[in-house]
C-alpha cells in the first residue's frame, strides 16, 4: 500500500510475485527525457526493493534504438548501467529467445 509499480508480466507463487518483466522505451529524442524516464524506473526498483516488494527476478525488455548516437546513446547506456547495477536483467526487445528463457526459467 505504501509504494507500488505496474509490471505487465508477473509470475506469482501463491500471493508472492517471483518474476516480473517490464518493457521500457528509451528511444525518446531528447537525452533528458531518456534519463528522466529511465530514472523513474531506477527509483521504482530501488523503492520496491527497499520495501521488500520487488520480485526476486526482474527483467527490463528495452526497445532497440539504432538511431541513438552522441548524447542520446550515452543517456541510454547510463540508464541501462544503472538498472544492471540494481541486479535486474536487461535485454533488448528483439532478443526473443532470451526473453522466453527468462519467462520460462
PDB file of N, CA and C in Angstrom:
ATOM      1  N   UNK A   1       0.811  -1.198   0.000  1.00  0.00           N
ATOM      2  CA  UNK A   1       0.000   0.000   0.000  1.00  0.00           C
ATOM      3  C   UNK A   1       0.854   1.261   0.000  1.00  0.00           C
ATOM      4  N   UNK A   2       2.014   1.179   0.631  1.00  0.00           N
ATOM      5  CA  UNK A   2       2.875   2.356   0.749  1.00  0.00           C
ATOM      6  C   UNK A   2       3.503   2.747  -0.587  1.00  0.00           C
ATOM      7  N   UNK A   3       3.872   1.748  -1.392  1.00  0.00           N
ATOM      8  CA  UNK A   3       4.508   2.029  -2.674  1.00  0.00           C
ATOM      9  C   UNK A   3       4.227   0.874  -3.613  1.00  0.00           C
ATOM     10  N   UNK A   4       4.002   1.189  -4.891  1.00  0.00           N
ATOM     11  CA  UNK A   4       3.752   0.143  -5.874  1.00  0.00           C
ATOM     12  C   UNK A   4       4.158   0.627  -7.257  1.00  0.00           C
ATOM     13  N   UNK A   5       4.296  -0.320  -8.171  1.00  0.00           N
ATOM     14  CA  UNK A   5       4.595  -0.027  -9.570  1.00  0.00           C
ATOM     15  C   UNK A   5       3.930  -1.107 -10.410  1.00  0.00           C
ATOM     16  N   UNK A   6       3.576  -0.737 -11.630  1.00  0.00           N
ATOM     17  CA  UNK A   6       2.918  -1.667 -12.544  1.00  0.00           C
ATOM     18  C   UNK A   6       3.941  -2.437 -13.378  1.00  0.00           C
ATOM     19  N   UNK A   7       3.910  -3.728 -13.289  1.00  0.00           N
ATOM     20  CA  UNK A   7       4.675  -4.611 -14.163  1.00  0.00           C
ATOM     21  C   UNK A   7       3.641  -5.427 -14.925  1.00  0.00           C
ATOM     22  N   UNK A   8       3.645  -5.359 -16.257  1.00  0.00           N
ATOM     23  CA  UNK A   8       2.588  -6.030 -17.017  1.00  0.00           C
ATOM     24  C   UNK A   8       2.662  -7.557 -16.992  1.00  0.00           C
ATOM     25  N   UNK A   9       3.843  -8.106 -16.800  1.00  0.00           N
ATOM     26  CA  UNK A   9       4.002  -9.561 -16.789  1.00  0.00           C
ATOM     27  C   UNK A   9       4.624  -9.976 -15.467  1.00  0.00           C
ATOM     28  N   UNK A  10       3.838 -10.662 -14.649  1.00  0.00           N
ATOM     29  CA  UNK A  10       4.305 -11.073 -13.326  1.00  0.00           C
ATOM     30  C   UNK A  10       3.962 -12.538 -13.109  1.00  0.00           C
ATOM     31  N   UNK A  11       4.959 -13.312 -12.692  1.00  0.00           N
ATOM     32  CA  UNK A  11       4.735 -14.713 -12.315  1.00  0.00           C
ATOM     33  C   UNK A  11       4.574 -14.759 -10.809  1.00  0.00           C
ATOM     34  N   UNK A  12       3.522 -15.414 -10.379  1.00  0.00           N
ATOM     35  CA  UNK A  12       3.213 -15.484  -8.954  1.00  0.00           C
ATOM     36  C   UNK A  12       3.447 -16.896  -8.413  1.00  0.00           C
ATOM     37  N   UNK A  13       3.811 -16.945  -7.150  1.00  0.00           N
ATOM     38  CA  UNK A  13       3.845 -18.188  -6.395  1.00  0.00           C
ATOM     39  C   UNK A  13       2.878 -17.968  -5.244  1.00  0.00           C
ATOM     40  N   UNK A  14       1.637 -18.380  -5.450  1.00  0.00           N
ATOM     41  CA  UNK A  14       0.593 -18.056  -4.479  1.00  0.00           C
ATOM     42  C   UNK A  14       0.323 -16.555  -4.522  1.00  0.00           C
ATOM     43  N   UNK A  15       0.569 -15.886  -3.413  1.00  0.00           N
ATOM     44  CA  UNK A  15       0.360 -14.443  -3.319  1.00  0.00           C
ATOM     45  C   UNK A  15       1.658 -13.652  -3.523  1.00  0.00           C
ATOM     46  N   UNK A  16       2.752 -14.367  -3.762  1.00  0.00           N
ATOM     47  CA  UNK A  16       4.059 -13.721  -3.837  1.00  0.00           C
ATOM     48  C   UNK A  16       4.528 -13.588  -5.282  1.00  0.00           C
ATOM     49  N   UNK A  17       4.835 -12.356  -5.731  1.00  0.00           N
ATOM     50  CA  UNK A  17       5.415 -12.201  -7.071  1.00  0.00           C
ATOM     51  C   UNK A  17       6.869 -12.669  -7.059  1.00  0.00           C
ATOM     52  N   UNK A  18       7.232 -13.544  -8.000  1.00  0.00           N
ATOM     53  CA  UNK A  18       8.594 -14.090  -8.019  1.00  0.00           C
ATOM     54  C   UNK A  18       9.383 -13.660  -9.251  1.00  0.00           C
ATOM     55  N   UNK A  19       8.676 -13.224 -10.293  1.00  0.00           N
ATOM     56  CA  UNK A  19       9.348 -12.844 -11.526  1.00  0.00           C
ATOM     57  C   UNK A  19       8.502 -11.778 -12.218  1.00  0.00           C
ATOM     58  N   UNK A  20       9.181 -10.765 -12.790  1.00  0.00           N
ATOM     59  CA  UNK A  20       8.445  -9.711 -13.488  1.00  0.00           C
ATOM     60  C   UNK A  20       9.210  -9.262 -14.726  1.00  0.00           C
ATOM     61  N   UNK A  21       8.448  -8.912 -15.757  1.00  0.00           N
ATOM     62  CA  UNK A  21       9.016  -8.374 -16.990  1.00  0.00           C
ATOM     63  C   UNK A  21       8.333  -7.045 -17.285  1.00  0.00           C
ATOM     64  N   UNK A  22       9.142  -6.057 -17.637  1.00  0.00           N
ATOM     65  CA  UNK A  22       8.623  -4.725 -17.973  1.00  0.00           C
ATOM     66  C   UNK A  22       9.289  -4.244 -19.245  1.00  0.00           C
ATOM     67  N   UNK A  23       8.488  -3.886 -20.239  1.00  0.00           N
ATOM     68  CA  UNK A  23       9.028  -3.256 -21.449  1.00  0.00           C
ATOM     69  C   UNK A  23       9.375  -1.812 -21.109  1.00  0.00           C
ATOM     70  N   UNK A  24      10.497  -1.351 -21.608  1.00  0.00           N
ATOM     71  CA  UNK A  24      10.958   0.001 -21.295  1.00  0.00           C
ATOM     72  C   UNK A  24      11.386   0.693 -22.586  1.00  0.00           C
ATOM     73  N   UNK A  25      10.794   1.837 -22.851  1.00  0.00           N
ATOM     74  CA  UNK A  25      11.119   2.621 -24.039  1.00  0.00           C
ATOM     75  C   UNK A  25      12.149   3.680 -23.683  1.00  0.00           C
ATOM     76  N   UNK A  26      13.295   3.611 -24.345  1.00  0.00           N
ATOM     77  CA  UNK A  26      14.355   4.605 -24.147  1.00  0.00           C
ATOM     78  C   UNK A  26      14.764   5.204 -25.490  1.00  0.00           C
ATOM     79  N   UNK A  27      13.793   5.413 -26.358  1.00  0.00           N
ATOM     80  CA  UNK A  27      14.096   5.957 -27.685  1.00  0.00           C
ATOM     81  C   UNK A  27      13.598   7.394 -27.842  1.00  0.00           C
ATOM     82  N   UNK A  28      13.414   8.076 -26.728  1.00  0.00           N
ATOM     83  CA  UNK A  28      12.986   9.463 -26.794  1.00  0.00           C
ATOM     84  C   UNK A  28      14.034  10.282 -27.550  1.00  0.00           C
ATOM     85  N   UNK A  29      13.613  11.373 -28.151  1.00  0.00           N
ATOM     86  CA  UNK A  29      14.516  12.178 -28.974  1.00  0.00           C
ATOM     87  C   UNK A  29      15.420  13.088 -28.164  1.00  0.00           C
ATOM     88  N   UNK A  30      15.113  13.283 -26.906  1.00  0.00           N
ATOM     89  CA  UNK A  30      15.877  14.187 -26.043  1.00  0.00           C
ATOM     90  C   UNK A  30      16.580  13.372 -24.951  1.00  0.00           C
ATOM     91  N   UNK A  31      17.894  13.519 -24.800  1.00  0.00           N
ATOM     92  CA  UNK A  31      18.609  12.763 -23.768  1.00  0.00           C
ATOM     93  C   UNK A  31      18.038  12.979 -22.365  1.00  0.00           C
ATOM     94  N   UNK A  32      17.556  14.181 -22.095  1.00  0.00           N
ATOM     95  CA  UNK A  32      16.972  14.462 -20.774  1.00  0.00           C
ATOM     96  C   UNK A  32      15.765  13.567 -20.525  1.00  0.00           C
ATOM     97  N   UNK A  33      14.941  13.400 -21.542  1.00  0.00           N
ATOM     98  CA  UNK A  33      13.753  12.538 -21.391  1.00  0.00           C
ATOM     99  C   UNK A  33      14.141  11.079 -21.210  1.00  0.00           C
ATOM    100  N   UNK A  34      15.193  10.652 -21.885  1.00  0.00           N
ATOM    101  CA  UNK A  34      15.679   9.282 -21.699  1.00  0.00           C
ATOM    102  C   UNK A  34      16.113   9.076 -20.254  1.00  0.00           C
ATOM    103  N   UNK A  35      16.910  10.006 -19.750  1.00  0.00           N
ATOM    104  CA  UNK A  35      17.409   9.902 -18.372  1.00  0.00           C
ATOM    105  C   UNK A  35      16.259   9.965 -17.375  1.00  0.00           C
ATOM    106  N   UNK A  36      15.320  10.864 -17.587  1.00  0.00           N
ATOM    107  CA  UNK A  36      14.204  11.001 -16.643  1.00  0.00           C
ATOM    108  C   UNK A  36      13.284   9.788 -16.665  1.00  0.00           C
ATOM    109  N   UNK A  37      12.957   9.291 -17.852  1.00  0.00           N
ATOM    110  CA  UNK A  37      12.074   8.130 -17.930  1.00  0.00           C
ATOM    111  C   UNK A  37      12.760   6.891 -17.342  1.00  0.00           C
ATOM    112  N   UNK A  38      13.995   6.659 -17.744  1.00  0.00           N
ATOM    113  CA  UNK A  38      14.732   5.531 -17.183  1.00  0.00           C
ATOM    114  C   UNK A  38      14.954   5.699 -15.684  1.00  0.00           C
ATOM    115  N   UNK A  39      15.214   6.929 -15.274  1.00  0.00           N
ATOM    116  CA  UNK A  39      15.432   7.213 -13.854  1.00  0.00           C
ATOM    117  C   UNK A  39      14.216   6.920 -12.999  1.00  0.00           C
ATOM    118  N   UNK A  40      13.027   7.109 -13.565  1.00  0.00           N
ATOM    119  CA  UNK A  40      11.807   6.758 -12.831  1.00  0.00           C
ATOM    120  C   UNK A  40      11.810   5.273 -12.486  1.00  0.00           C
ATOM    121  N   UNK A  41      12.252   4.443 -13.431  1.00  0.00           N
ATOM    122  CA  UNK A  41      12.261   3.005 -13.169  1.00  0.00           C
ATOM    123  C   UNK A  41      13.408   2.603 -12.253  1.00  0.00           C
ATOM    124  N   UNK A  42      14.520   3.314 -12.301  1.00  0.00           N
ATOM    125  CA  UNK A  42      15.602   3.079 -11.338  1.00  0.00           C
ATOM    126  C   UNK A  42      15.071   3.371  -9.933  1.00  0.00           C
ATOM    127  N   UNK A  43      14.382   4.486  -9.782  1.00  0.00           N
ATOM    128  CA  UNK A  43      13.791   4.850  -8.490  1.00  0.00           C
ATOM    129  C   UNK A  43      12.777   3.805  -8.037  1.00  0.00           C
ATOM    130  N   UNK A  44      11.915   3.381  -8.948  1.00  0.00           N
ATOM    131  CA  UNK A  44      10.891   2.397  -8.581  1.00  0.00           C
ATOM    132  C   UNK A  44      11.510   1.080  -8.131  1.00  0.00           C
ATOM    133  N   UNK A  45      12.515   0.618  -8.850  1.00  0.00           N
ATOM    134  CA  UNK A  45      13.186  -0.628  -8.457  1.00  0.00           C
ATOM    135  C   UNK A  45      13.794  -0.467  -7.067  1.00  0.00           C
ATOM    136  N   UNK A  46      14.473   0.647  -6.835  1.00  0.00           N
ATOM    137  CA  UNK A  46      15.061   0.902  -5.515  1.00  0.00           C
ATOM    138  C   UNK A  46      14.007   0.912  -4.415  1.00  0.00           C
ATOM    139  N   UNK A  47      12.915   1.603  -4.651  1.00  0.00           N
ATOM    140  CA  UNK A  47      11.873   1.714  -3.630  1.00  0.00           C
ATOM    141  C   UNK A  47      11.187   0.376  -3.371  1.00  0.00           C
ATOM    142  N   UNK A  48      10.913  -0.364  -4.419  1.00  0.00           N
ATOM    143  CA  UNK A  48      10.296  -1.679  -4.232  1.00  0.00           C
ATOM    144  C   UNK A  48      11.227  -2.625  -3.487  1.00  0.00           C
ATOM    145  N   UNK A  49      12.500  -2.619  -3.848  1.00  0.00           N
ATOM    146  CA  UNK A  49      13.460  -3.493  -3.178  1.00  0.00           C
ATOM    147  C   UNK A  49      13.605  -3.104  -1.709  1.00  0.00           C
ATOM    148  N   UNK A  50      13.694  -1.821  -1.443  1.00  0.00           N
ATOM    149  CA  UNK A  50      13.831  -1.308  -0.069  1.00  0.00           C
ATOM    150  C   UNK A  50      12.680  -1.782   0.815  1.00  0.00           C
ATOM    151  N   UNK A  51      11.507  -1.905   0.229  1.00  0.00           N
ATOM    152  CA  UNK A  51      10.325  -2.303   0.983  1.00  0.00           C
ATOM    153  C   UNK A  51      10.053  -3.813   0.904  1.00  0.00           C
ATOM    154  N   UNK A  52      10.957  -4.552   0.265  1.00  0.00           N
ATOM    155  CA  UNK A  52      10.779  -5.995   0.147  1.00  0.00           C
ATOM    156  C   UNK A  52       9.648  -6.382  -0.786  1.00  0.00           C
ATOM    157  N   UNK A  53       9.340  -5.526  -1.755  1.00  0.00           N
ATOM    158  CA  UNK A  53       8.219  -5.772  -2.662  1.00  0.00           C
ATOM    159  C   UNK A  53       8.642  -6.156  -4.073  1.00  0.00           C
ATOM    160  N   UNK A  54       9.923  -6.099  -4.359  1.00  0.00           N
ATOM    161  CA  UNK A  54      10.400  -6.401  -5.706  1.00  0.00           C
ATOM    162  C   UNK A  54      10.542  -7.911  -5.863  1.00  0.00           C
ATOM    163  N   UNK A  55      10.000  -8.464  -6.944  1.00  0.00           N
ATOM    164  CA  UNK A  55      10.216  -9.900  -7.178  1.00  0.00           C
ATOM    165  C   UNK A  55      11.707 -10.210  -7.250  1.00  0.00           C
ATOM    166  N   UNK A  56      12.062 -11.436  -6.949  1.00  0.00           N
ATOM    167  CA  UNK A  56      13.466 -11.838  -6.956  1.00  0.00           C
ATOM    168  C   UNK A  56      14.091 -11.684  -8.336  1.00  0.00           C
ATOM    169  N   UNK A  57      13.333 -11.960  -9.390  1.00  0.00           N
ATOM    170  CA  UNK A  57      13.846 -11.892 -10.752  1.00  0.00           C
ATOM    171  C   UNK A  57      13.056 -10.850 -11.538  1.00  0.00           C
ATOM    172  N   UNK A  58      13.766  -9.851 -12.051  1.00  0.00           N
ATOM    173  CA  UNK A  58      13.136  -8.776 -12.819  1.00  0.00           C
ATOM    174  C   UNK A  58      13.918  -8.590 -14.109  1.00  0.00           C
ATOM    175  N   UNK A  59      13.190  -8.431 -15.210  1.00  0.00           N
ATOM    176  CA  UNK A  59      13.821  -8.184 -16.495  1.00  0.00           C
ATOM    177  C   UNK A  59      13.153  -6.976 -17.162  1.00  0.00           C
ATOM    178  N   UNK A  60      13.977  -6.053 -17.621  1.00  0.00           N
ATOM    179  CA  UNK A  60      13.504  -4.943 -18.425  1.00  0.00           C
ATOM    180  C   UNK A  60      13.821  -5.245 -19.874  1.00  0.00           C
ATOM    181  N   UNK A  61      12.784  -5.305 -20.713  1.00  0.00           N
ATOM    182  CA  UNK A  61      12.938  -5.525 -22.147  1.00  0.00           C
ATOM    183  C   UNK A  61      12.946  -4.143 -22.801  1.00  0.00           C
ATOM    184  N   UNK A  62      14.107  -3.733 -23.274  1.00  0.00           N
ATOM    185  CA  UNK A  62      14.308  -2.364 -23.741  1.00  0.00           C
ATOM    186  C   UNK A  62      14.254  -2.303 -25.259  1.00  0.00           C
ATOM    187  N   UNK A  63      13.556  -1.280 -25.748  1.00  0.00           N
ATOM    188  CA  UNK A  63      13.478  -1.081 -27.193  1.00  0.00           C
ATOM    189  C   UNK A  63      14.881  -0.832 -27.743  1.00  0.00           C
ATOM    190  N   UNK A  64      15.071  -1.225 -28.977  1.00  0.00           N
ATOM    191  CA  UNK A  64      16.364  -1.004 -29.634  1.00  0.00           C
ATOM    192  C   UNK A  64      16.278   0.283 -30.433  1.00  0.00           C
ATOM    193  N   UNK A  65      17.154   1.220 -30.142  1.00  0.00           N
ATOM    194  CA  UNK A  65      17.162   2.494 -30.849  1.00  0.00           C
ATOM    195  C   UNK A  65      18.443   2.577 -31.659  1.00  0.00           C
ATOM    196  N   UNK A  66      18.367   2.125 -32.893  1.00  0.00           N
ATOM    197  CA  UNK A  66      19.557   2.102 -33.746  1.00  0.00           C
ATOM    198  C   UNK A  66      19.977   3.502 -34.190  1.00  0.00           C
ATOM    199  N   UNK A  67      19.100   4.477 -34.001  1.00  0.00           N
ATOM    200  CA  UNK A  67      19.411   5.853 -34.393  1.00  0.00           C
ATOM    201  C   UNK A  67      20.052   6.651 -33.261  1.00  0.00           C
ATOM    202  N   UNK A  68      20.104   6.068 -32.071  1.00  0.00           N
ATOM    203  CA  UNK A  68      20.683   6.783 -30.933  1.00  0.00           C
ATOM    204  C   UNK A  68      22.177   6.958 -31.142  1.00  0.00           C
ATOM    205  N   UNK A  69      22.621   8.187 -31.013  1.00  0.00           N
ATOM    206  CA  UNK A  69      24.052   8.465 -31.097  1.00  0.00           C
ATOM    207  C   UNK A  69      24.367   9.642 -30.173  1.00  0.00           C
ATOM    208  N   UNK A  70      25.610   9.883 -29.959  1.00  0.00           N
ATOM    209  CA  UNK A  70      26.014  11.007 -29.137  1.00  0.00           C
ATOM    210  C   UNK A  70      25.397  10.981 -27.757  1.00  0.00           C
ATOM    211  N   UNK A  71      24.771  12.085 -27.383  1.00  0.00           N
ATOM    212  CA  UNK A  71      24.209  12.222 -26.048  1.00  0.00           C
ATOM    213  C   UNK A  71      23.030  11.282 -25.796  1.00  0.00           C
ATOM    214  N   UNK A  72      22.259  10.993 -26.848  1.00  0.00           N
ATOM    215  CA  UNK A  72      21.144  10.048 -26.684  1.00  0.00           C
ATOM    216  C   UNK A  72      21.662   8.655 -26.364  1.00  0.00           C
ATOM    217  N   UNK A  73      22.664   8.209 -27.076  1.00  0.00           N
ATOM    218  CA  UNK A  73      23.251   6.891 -26.823  1.00  0.00           C
ATOM    219  C   UNK A  73      23.877   6.845 -25.433  1.00  0.00           C
ATOM    220  N   UNK A  74      24.531   7.915 -25.062  1.00  0.00           N
ATOM    221  CA  UNK A  74      25.150   7.996 -23.739  1.00  0.00           C
ATOM    222  C   UNK A  74      24.084   7.936 -22.641  1.00  0.00           C
ATOM    223  N   UNK A  75      22.975   8.642 -22.837  1.00  0.00           N
ATOM    224  CA  UNK A  75      21.884   8.627 -21.860  1.00  0.00           C
ATOM    225  C   UNK A  75      21.293   7.227 -21.732  1.00  0.00           C
ATOM    226  N   UNK A  76      21.082   6.552 -22.860  1.00  0.00           N
ATOM    227  CA  UNK A  76      20.555   5.180 -22.838  1.00  0.00           C
ATOM    228  C   UNK A  76      21.483   4.257 -22.054  1.00  0.00           C
ATOM    229  N   UNK A  77      22.774   4.317 -22.374  1.00  0.00           N
ATOM    230  CA  UNK A  77      23.737   3.443 -21.703  1.00  0.00           C
ATOM    231  C   UNK A  77      23.819   3.736 -20.209  1.00  0.00           C
ATOM    232  N   UNK A  78      23.685   4.985 -19.850  1.00  0.00           N
ATOM    233  CA  UNK A  78      23.705   5.352 -18.429  1.00  0.00           C
ATOM    234  C   UNK A  78      22.528   4.717 -17.695  1.00  0.00           C
ATOM    235  N   UNK A  79      21.346   4.812 -18.274  1.00  0.00           N
ATOM    236  CA  UNK A  79      20.157   4.220 -17.654  1.00  0.00           C
ATOM    237  C   UNK A  79      20.306   2.702 -17.566  1.00  0.00           C
ATOM    238  N   UNK A  80      20.752   2.077 -18.656  1.00  0.00           N
ATOM    239  CA  UNK A  80      20.900   0.622 -18.660  1.00  0.00           C
ATOM    240  C   UNK A  80      21.931   0.164 -17.629  1.00  0.00           C
ATOM    241  N   UNK A  81      23.015   0.902 -17.493  1.00  0.00           N
ATOM    242  CA  UNK A  81      24.037   0.567 -16.493  1.00  0.00           C
ATOM    243  C   UNK A  81      23.468   0.691 -15.081  1.00  0.00           C
ATOM    244  N   UNK A  82      22.668   1.725 -14.847  1.00  0.00           N
ATOM    245  CA  UNK A  82      22.062   1.889 -13.519  1.00  0.00           C
ATOM    246  C   UNK A  82      21.118   0.740 -13.211  1.00  0.00           C
ATOM    247  N   UNK A  83      20.323   0.321 -14.187  1.00  0.00           N
ATOM    248  CA  UNK A  83      19.417  -0.810 -13.971  1.00  0.00           C
ATOM    249  C   UNK A  83      20.203  -2.080 -13.688  1.00  0.00           C
ATOM    250  N   UNK A  84      21.226  -2.344 -14.495  1.00  0.00           N
ATOM    251  CA  UNK A  84      22.048  -3.544 -14.261  1.00  0.00           C
ATOM    252  C   UNK A  84      22.708  -3.498 -12.879  1.00  0.00           C
ATOM    253  N   UNK A  85      23.086  -2.313 -12.457  1.00  0.00           N
ATOM    254  CA  UNK A  85      23.693  -2.140 -11.135  1.00  0.00           C
ATOM    255  C   UNK A  85      22.737  -2.443  -9.998  1.00  0.00           C
ATOM    256  N   UNK A  86      21.455  -2.470 -10.297  1.00  0.00           N
ATOM    257  CA  UNK A  86      20.434  -2.804  -9.300  1.00  0.00           C
ATOM    258  C   UNK A  86      20.118  -4.293  -9.294  1.00  0.00           C
ATOM    259  N   UNK A  87      20.934  -5.064 -10.002  1.00  0.00           N
ATOM    260  CA  UNK A  87      20.781  -6.517 -10.056  1.00  0.00           C
ATOM    261  C   UNK A  87      19.453  -6.931 -10.689  1.00  0.00           C
ATOM    262  N   UNK A  88      19.085  -6.225 -11.768  1.00  0.00           N
ATOM    263  CA  UNK A  88      17.968  -6.665 -12.585  1.00  0.00           C
ATOM    264  C   UNK A  88      18.518  -6.948 -13.973  1.00  0.00           C
ATOM    265  N   UNK A  89      17.837  -7.792 -14.703  1.00  0.00           N
ATOM    266  CA  UNK A  89      18.291  -8.128 -16.050  1.00  0.00           C
ATOM    267  C   UNK A  89      17.767  -7.117 -17.048  1.00  0.00           C
ATOM    268  N   UNK A  90      18.569  -6.897 -18.077  1.00  0.00           N
ATOM    269  CA  UNK A  90      18.190  -6.002 -19.158  1.00  0.00           C
ATOM    270  C   UNK A  90      18.434  -6.753 -20.462  1.00  0.00           C
ATOM    271  N   UNK A  91      17.431  -6.739 -21.335  1.00  0.00           N
ATOM    272  CA  UNK A  91      17.548  -7.388 -22.645  1.00  0.00           C
ATOM    273  C   UNK A  91      16.867  -6.517 -23.678  1.00  0.00           C
ATOM    274  N   UNK A  92      17.322  -6.620 -24.897  1.00  0.00           N
ATOM    275  CA  UNK A  92      16.680  -5.909 -25.996  1.00  0.00           C
ATOM    276  C   UNK A  92      15.372  -6.612 -26.347  1.00  0.00           C
ATOM    277  N   UNK A  93      14.378  -5.845 -26.737  1.00  0.00           N
ATOM    278  CA  UNK A  93      13.097  -6.427 -27.141  1.00  0.00           C
ATOM    279  C   UNK A  93      13.269  -7.447 -28.256  1.00  0.00           C
ATOM    280  N   UNK A  94      14.248  -7.248 -29.113  1.00  0.00           N
ATOM    281  CA  UNK A  94      14.485  -8.160 -30.224  1.00  0.00           C
ATOM    282  C   UNK A  94      15.111  -9.488 -29.823  1.00  0.00           C
ATOM    283  N   UNK A  95      15.566  -9.616 -28.592  1.00  0.00           N
ATOM    284  CA  UNK A  95      16.180 -10.860 -28.111  1.00  0.00           C
ATOM    285  C   UNK A  95      15.086 -11.799 -27.613  1.00  0.00           C
ATOM    286  N   UNK A  96      14.271 -12.252 -28.541  1.00  0.00           N
ATOM    287  CA  UNK A  96      13.098 -13.046 -28.187  1.00  0.00           C
ATOM    288  C   UNK A  96      13.445 -14.298 -27.397  1.00  0.00           C
ATOM    289  N   UNK A  97      14.498 -15.005 -27.784  1.00  0.00           N
ATOM    290  CA  UNK A  97      14.851 -16.231 -27.087  1.00  0.00           C
ATOM    291  C   UNK A  97      15.254 -15.944 -25.639  1.00  0.00           C
ATOM    292  N   UNK A  98      15.997 -14.880 -25.431  1.00  0.00           N
ATOM    293  CA  UNK A  98      16.388 -14.521 -24.058  1.00  0.00           C
ATOM    294  C   UNK A  98      15.174 -14.181 -23.223  1.00  0.00           C
ATOM    295  N   UNK A  99      14.231 -13.453 -23.801  1.00  0.00           N
ATOM    296  CA  UNK A  99      13.009 -13.105 -23.077  1.00  0.00           C
ATOM    297  C   UNK A  99      12.203 -14.361 -22.742  1.00  0.00           C
ATOM    298  N   UNK A 100      12.112 -15.284 -23.703  1.00  0.00           N
ATOM    299  CA  UNK A 100      11.389 -16.528 -23.456  1.00  0.00           C
ATOM    300  C   UNK A 100      12.096 -17.378 -22.403  1.00  0.00           C
ATOM    301  N   UNK A 101      13.425 -17.443 -22.464  1.00  0.00           N
ATOM    302  CA  UNK A 101      14.170 -18.207 -21.464  1.00  0.00           C
ATOM    303  C   UNK A 101      13.951 -17.638 -20.066  1.00  0.00           C
ATOM    304  N   UNK A 102      13.937 -16.320 -19.945  1.00  0.00           N
ATOM    305  CA  UNK A 102      13.693 -15.687 -18.646  1.00  0.00           C
ATOM    306  C   UNK A 102      12.290 -16.036 -18.164  1.00  0.00           C
ATOM    307  N   UNK A 103      11.317 -15.927 -19.042  1.00  0.00           N
ATOM    308  CA  UNK A 103       9.931 -16.177 -18.661  1.00  0.00           C
ATOM    309  C   UNK A 103       9.708 -17.632 -18.243  1.00  0.00           C
ATOM    310  N   UNK A 104      10.397 -18.542 -18.929  1.00  0.00           N
ATOM    311  CA  UNK A 104      10.210 -19.971 -18.632  1.00  0.00           C
ATOM    312  C   UNK A 104      11.062 -20.437 -17.460  1.00  0.00           C
ATOM    313  N   UNK A 105      12.240 -19.822 -17.284  1.00  0.00           N
ATOM    314  CA  UNK A 105      13.228 -20.299 -16.308  1.00  0.00           C
ATOM    315  C   UNK A 105      12.873 -20.132 -14.880  1.00  0.00           C
TER     316      UNK A 105
END
